[in-house]
Amino acid sequence: MNTVLDAIYTRRSIRHFTDEPVNQALIDEILWAGSWAPSGLNNQPWRFAVITDRDLKDKFVPLTRYGKVIEAAACLIPVFLDRQAMYNDVKDHQAAGACIQNMLLAAHSLGLGAVWLGEILKSADQVRKLLGLPENMELMAVLALGHPARRDQKSSRKDLEELVIFRR
C-alpha cells in the first residue's frame, strides 16, 4: 500500500500513554514535519511550545476536561499562530490545521501516539499566560504526545455518498 495513505488510514487519536519519555530528536522531527505544511505566501505563521517539564505540564490539567490525557502524555506541544506573521485569517487558520495534521501523521509514522486537544481553546489566554507569551500568539491546539499504551483504537467514516454533495 502507499505509505502516505497507510499513515492517513491507520492514524488514531491516542489518549493513553506509557510512562516512557519521548526522545527530543523525535519531538524535533514532529515539529519539522509541522513546519512543512503548506501556507499562503509560504508565511509559515505557526509557532510551537514544547513542554516536557512535569510541574509545568500539571498546570495545564485544570484548563481542560481532558486533564487525564495531559497527565499521561510525556510531552505537550501547544501550537500557535503568530498573528503578526498572518496575512489572511481564513487561509492562515487552514494552514494551522494542515500543520497540526502533519504533526499527527509524523508522530504516528515514528511509532508515537498523539491527540489533538481543541477543547482547551476555551482556556487559550491562560495557556498563553502560563508560557509567558505575548497576545499576538493565538492558540490553535495542544497536542498531547507520548508512547501509546495501546493501539487497538477503532474508527469509522461516513460513506462518500453521504459526504459528496456535488459531482458532474
Foldseek 3Di string as FASTA:
>chain_A
DPPVVVLVVQFDAFQAADPDADDVVLVVQLQVLLQPFDAVVSLSQKDKDKDQDQVLLQVLLVLAPSSSSSNRFRMKIWMWGQQVSDDDVVRVLVSNVRSVVSSSSSCVVVQKHKHWAARSLVVQVVVCVSVVHDPSTRTNTMIRIHHHPDRPDDDDDDDVVVVDPDDD
